[in-house]
Amino acid sequence: MTTLYLVRLGRTAWNDEARYQGQCDPPLNEQGQQQAEEVAQKLSTVTLAAIYSSDLQRARQTAEVLGDRIGLPVRLEPRLREIDMGSWAGQLVSTVRATESALFSRWRSAPVGVRPPGGETVDELAARLAEALDDISRAHPQAAVAVFTHGAAIAAVHCRVHGLPLDHIWELLLDNACWEVAQWPPRR
């Protein structure tokens, strides 16, 4: 089993604005950069075999601070990206709630199988992440690995590891620059 440190990236201006980011690529803001420094300081005490990151810049920027501190390269993995929000990406959550209220309500209350227009379901997100984490685990068996990714991505992994239905995903979102430790593959 591989020990995964699943780290949510630092804040961006879009977090502050309550704007769906999805696979759009805003950079860290000043607070996010400070959070990346704090994460790096805390995780630098862990003996890590590797650092992986979503290829989106907000995750990569957070991961690179740790990589620079401990002298490990950051390996970019597109399958670690946030859920694809389709046409909702870049929009304010309040706008989506107002203009697509029925779909938004289903997305928030029972998201399994629900797709933002042109986007991805939580089921698809979970499958994509499982494939990536399986590959990472095979590459680093019995080791600790830092994985810098996104809020919904970590929540989907949490559901898988703890045997929870994906309908719980929105209840499990970590704050920016927080992490969860998980063993992969899950024992199920």
Protein backbone atom coordinates (compact mmCIF):
# COMPACT_ATOMS: atom_id res chain seq x y z
CA MET A 1 0.00 0.00 0.00
CA THR A 2 1.06 3.52 -0.73
CA THR A 3 0.50 6.31 1.79
CA LEU A 4 -0.97 9.30 -0.04
CA TYR A 5 -0.85 12.84 1.32
CA LEU A 6 -3.77 14.29 -0.66
CA VAL A 7 -3.23 18.05 -0.57
CA ARG A 8 -5.76 20.60 -1.70
CA LEU A 9 -4.13 23.52 -3.47
CA GLY A 10 -3.94 27.07 -2.10
CA ARG A 11 -6.57 29.74 -2.67
CA THR A 12 -7.18 31.67 -5.87
CA ALA A 13 -9.15 34.83 -6.54
CA TRP A 14 -11.91 32.58 -7.90
CA ASN A 15 -12.24 30.87 -4.50
CA ASP A 16 -12.72 34.32 -2.97
CA GLU A 17 -15.37 35.17 -5.57
CA ALA A 18 -17.25 31.84 -5.16
CA ARG A 19 -16.64 31.12 -8.84
CA TYR A 20 -16.55 27.57 -10.26
CA GLN A 21 -12.98 26.83 -11.35
CA GLY A 22 -13.26 23.29 -12.67
CA GLN A 23 -10.51 22.84 -15.23
CA CYS A 24 -9.99 26.56 -15.82
CA ASP A 25 -6.53 27.68 -14.83
CA PRO A 26 -6.43 30.68 -12.47
CA PRO A 27 -3.19 31.10 -10.49
CA LEU A 28 -2.81 31.19 -6.74
CA ASN A 29 -3.53 34.54 -5.14
CA GLU A 30 -1.33 36.05 -2.41
CA GLN A 31 -3.11 34.06 0.30
CA GLY A 32 -2.72 30.88 -1.75
CA GLN A 33 1.01 31.49 -2.14
CA GLN A 34 1.32 31.89 1.63
CA GLN A 35 -0.69 28.70 2.13
CA ALA A 36 1.67 26.85 -0.23
CA GLU A 37 4.61 27.95 1.94
CA GLU A 38 2.83 26.72 5.08
CA VAL A 39 2.01 23.34 3.48
CA ALA A 40 5.62 22.95 2.35
CA GLN A 41 6.91 23.75 5.83
CA LYS A 42 4.66 21.15 7.46
CA LEU A 43 5.09 18.39 4.85
CA SER A 44 8.87 18.85 4.62
CA THR A 45 9.12 16.68 7.76
CA VAL A 46 7.58 13.68 5.92
CA THR A 47 9.88 11.35 3.99
CA LEU A 48 8.32 11.40 0.55
CA ALA A 49 9.23 9.19 -2.39
CA ALA A 50 7.57 11.50 -4.93
CA ILE A 51 5.39 14.54 -5.49
CA TYR A 52 2.57 14.43 -8.02
CA SER A 53 0.33 17.30 -9.02
CA SER A 54 -2.59 18.14 -11.23
CA ASP A 55 -1.23 19.99 -14.24
CA LEU A 56 -3.43 23.02 -13.51
CA GLN A 57 -1.25 25.90 -12.36
CA ARG A 58 -2.93 26.46 -8.98
CA ALA A 59 -2.08 22.88 -7.95
CA ARG A 60 1.34 22.92 -9.61
CA GLN A 61 2.27 26.21 -7.91
CA THR A 62 1.31 24.77 -4.52
CA ALA A 63 3.27 21.55 -5.15
CA GLU A 64 6.39 23.29 -6.47
CA VAL A 65 6.98 25.08 -3.17
CA LEU A 66 7.28 21.70 -1.41
CA GLY A 67 9.33 20.25 -4.27
CA ASP A 68 11.80 23.14 -4.10
CA ARG A 69 12.04 22.84 -0.32
CA ILE A 70 12.82 19.10 -0.24
CA GLY A 71 14.55 18.72 -3.60
CA LEU A 72 12.02 16.51 -5.37
CA PRO A 73 10.65 17.21 -8.85
CA VAL A 74 6.91 17.68 -9.26
CA ARG A 75 5.43 15.11 -11.64
CA LEU A 76 2.43 16.53 -13.49
CA GLU A 77 -0.54 14.20 -13.92
CA PRO A 78 -3.56 15.54 -15.88
CA ARG A 79 -5.84 12.84 -14.42
CA LEU A 80 -5.49 14.63 -11.05
CA ARG A 81 -7.37 17.67 -12.40
CA GLU A 82 -10.52 19.01 -10.80
CA ILE A 83 -13.90 17.88 -12.06
CA ASP A 84 -14.74 19.32 -15.48
CA MET A 85 -17.49 21.87 -14.83
CA GLY A 86 -18.33 22.33 -18.50
CA SER A 87 -20.27 25.55 -19.17
CA TRP A 88 -20.41 26.29 -15.44
CA ALA A 89 -16.63 26.82 -15.30
CA GLY A 90 -15.77 30.44 -14.66
CA GLN A 91 -19.31 31.32 -13.54
CA LEU A 92 -20.29 32.49 -10.10
CA VAL A 93 -21.99 29.77 -8.08
CA SER A 94 -24.85 32.21 -7.40
CA THR A 95 -25.37 32.72 -11.15
CA VAL A 96 -25.52 28.97 -11.82
CA ARG A 97 -27.92 28.51 -8.88
CA ALA A 98 -30.20 31.22 -10.30
CA THR A 99 -30.09 30.30 -14.00
CA GLU A 100 -30.08 26.50 -13.77
CA SER A 101 -31.83 25.95 -10.46
CA ALA A 102 -33.22 22.43 -11.06
CA LEU A 103 -29.94 20.98 -12.36
CA PHE A 104 -27.96 22.84 -9.71
CA SER A 105 -30.21 21.45 -6.97
CA ARG A 106 -29.69 17.86 -8.19
CA TRP A 107 -25.93 18.51 -8.53
CA ARG A 108 -25.76 19.62 -4.90
CA SER A 109 -28.15 17.11 -3.29
CA ALA A 110 -27.61 13.87 -5.28
CA PRO A 111 -24.76 14.43 -7.75
CA VAL A 112 -24.17 10.85 -8.92
CA GLY A 113 -24.88 10.76 -12.65
CA VAL A 114 -25.56 14.52 -12.82
CA ARG A 115 -23.49 16.39 -15.40
CA PRO A 116 -23.00 20.14 -15.68
CA PRO A 117 -23.63 21.01 -19.34
CA GLY A 118 -20.55 19.86 -21.26
CA GLY A 119 -18.86 18.69 -18.06
CA GLU A 120 -18.12 15.54 -16.14
CA THR A 121 -20.07 13.56 -13.54
CA VAL A 122 -18.67 12.80 -10.09
CA ASP A 123 -18.63 9.13 -11.15
CA GLU A 124 -16.35 9.96 -14.06
CA LEU A 125 -14.14 12.09 -11.81
CA ALA A 126 -13.81 9.23 -9.29
CA ALA A 127 -12.92 6.71 -12.01
CA ARG A 128 -10.29 9.02 -13.52
CA LEU A 129 -8.70 9.61 -10.12
CA ALA A 130 -8.70 5.92 -9.22
CA GLU A 131 -6.78 5.15 -12.44
CA ALA A 132 -4.20 7.83 -11.65
CA LEU A 133 -3.79 6.73 -8.03
CA ASP A 134 -3.51 3.08 -9.08
CA ASP A 135 -0.60 4.04 -11.36
CA ILE A 136 1.04 6.16 -8.65
CA SER A 137 0.65 3.35 -6.12
CA ARG A 138 2.21 0.82 -8.50
CA ALA A 139 5.14 3.18 -9.09
CA HIS A 140 5.69 3.78 -5.36
CA PRO A 141 4.61 0.71 -3.39
CA GLN A 142 5.09 0.90 0.38
CA ALA A 143 6.09 4.58 0.14
CA ALA A 144 4.69 7.99 1.01
CA VAL A 145 3.70 10.26 -1.87
CA ALA A 146 2.34 13.81 -1.88
CA VAL A 147 -0.51 14.32 -4.35
CA PHE A 148 -1.56 17.92 -4.98
CA THR A 149 -5.06 18.07 -6.37
CA HIS A 150 -8.44 19.74 -5.98
CA GLY A 151 -11.38 19.82 -3.57
CA ALA A 152 -13.84 17.55 -5.37
CA ALA A 153 -11.01 15.23 -6.37
CA ILE A 154 -9.93 14.66 -2.76
CA ALA A 155 -13.55 14.26 -1.63
CA ALA A 156 -14.10 11.61 -4.32
CA VAL A 157 -11.02 9.72 -3.13
CA HIS A 158 -12.27 10.00 0.46
CA CYS A 159 -15.55 8.40 -0.56
CA ARG A 160 -13.72 5.53 -2.27
CA VAL A 161 -11.31 4.92 0.61
CA HIS A 162 -14.03 5.00 3.27
CA GLY A 163 -16.69 3.16 1.25
CA LEU A 164 -19.06 6.13 1.15
CA PRO A 165 -21.48 6.85 -1.70
CA LEU A 166 -20.33 9.65 -4.00
CA ASP A 167 -23.52 11.54 -3.12
CA HIS A 168 -21.59 12.63 0.01
CA ILE A 169 -18.88 14.36 -2.02
CA TRP A 170 -19.95 17.96 -1.31
CA GLU A 171 -20.00 17.31 2.46
CA LEU A 172 -16.35 16.26 2.39
CA LEU A 173 -14.61 19.21 0.76
CA LEU A 174 -11.40 20.20 2.52
CA ASP A 175 -10.42 23.82 2.97
CA ASN A 176 -7.69 25.14 0.71
CA ALA A 177 -4.17 24.02 1.69
CA CYS A 178 -5.44 21.21 3.90
CA TRP A 179 -4.72 17.55 3.36
CA GLU A 180 -5.90 14.08 4.10
CA VAL A 181 -3.78 10.96 4.48
CA ALA A 182 -5.05 7.79 2.80
CA GLN A 183 -3.79 4.31 2.03
CA TRP A 184 -4.03 3.27 -1.62
CA PRO A 185 -5.34 1.02 -2.98
CA PRO A 186 -8.31 0.97 -0.61
CA ARG A 187 -8.94 -2.25 1.30
CA ARG A 188 -12.35 -3.02 -0.13
